[in-house]
Amino acid sequence: MNSAHESSDARVAIVTGGSGGIGGAIVSRLRSTGHRTDVIDRTGGIDCDLSSEESTREAAAQVMAKYGRCDVLVHSAATFDLADLLHLDSTLWRHVQAVNVESVLWLAQAFVPGMAERGFGRIIFVVSDTIWSPPGPAMLPYVASKGAVIGVMRTLAVSLGDSGISVSAVAPGLTDTPGSRTANTEADFDAVVGLQALNRRLTPDDTAAAVAYLASDEGAAMTGQVLCLDGGLILR
């Protein structure tokens, strides 16, 4: 349901993975700032299998049919399939890359021409601080995919800047979400907090606030950069 703050002439924001903990917070924050916001996900909003190019392109077509535009594209969806080097196979590898990297390319192909025509666009990637400090060997496919997204982000930032489109990323650390609580114990959270400069758990709202800034006019000078939102765990 759209917020009462939204209007028919408001900017349209599309969030992949918007049914997740971080994605849901991003949707709520963008709606609170007046964006007409919709979700591309397996549950809620526009149903889509982001591992499928055909399904992803169909989701983009549904956005265009419903709104006629996309002004802000946030790629928050991710799959965390685990495998270390010796147990990795091509099926798992390609699935992770398809969801985490390739899907946003097909969406951008559909939305960027309109952004360029209007002279305004924001593409924002949700990556991870694990790029700089991988937590374990089984994270290989995930960390590699997020590293690839950084390369996509930088390349698009350079190539699309003349069209008024900024492309940036946010990199959360371990965030307290329903999903992360299924894979981490209270002791795990406490251990990470103990390594951070800021002595508190990270919340989805931390990431959502940064995304809202990048989507706003106030974030107009930011492109090709990664905002690391991990409480000072990784200093770079």
Foldseek 3Di string as FASTA:
>chain_A
DADPLEDLPAAAEEEEPCVFFLNVLLQVLVSVVHHNYAYDYCDGGNHADQLDLVRLLVSLVVCCVVNVAHAEYEYPDFDQQWDAPVGDDPVVLSSRLSNLPVSVVSNCVSHVVVCLVVLGHEYEYEAAPCLVPPPDRRRVSRSVNSVVNLVVQLVCQVVCVVSNYAGEYEHEYQADTPVSCVVDPPVRQCVLLVLAPHNDHHYSNQVSVVSSCCSDPVVSVDHSYYHYHYRHNDDD
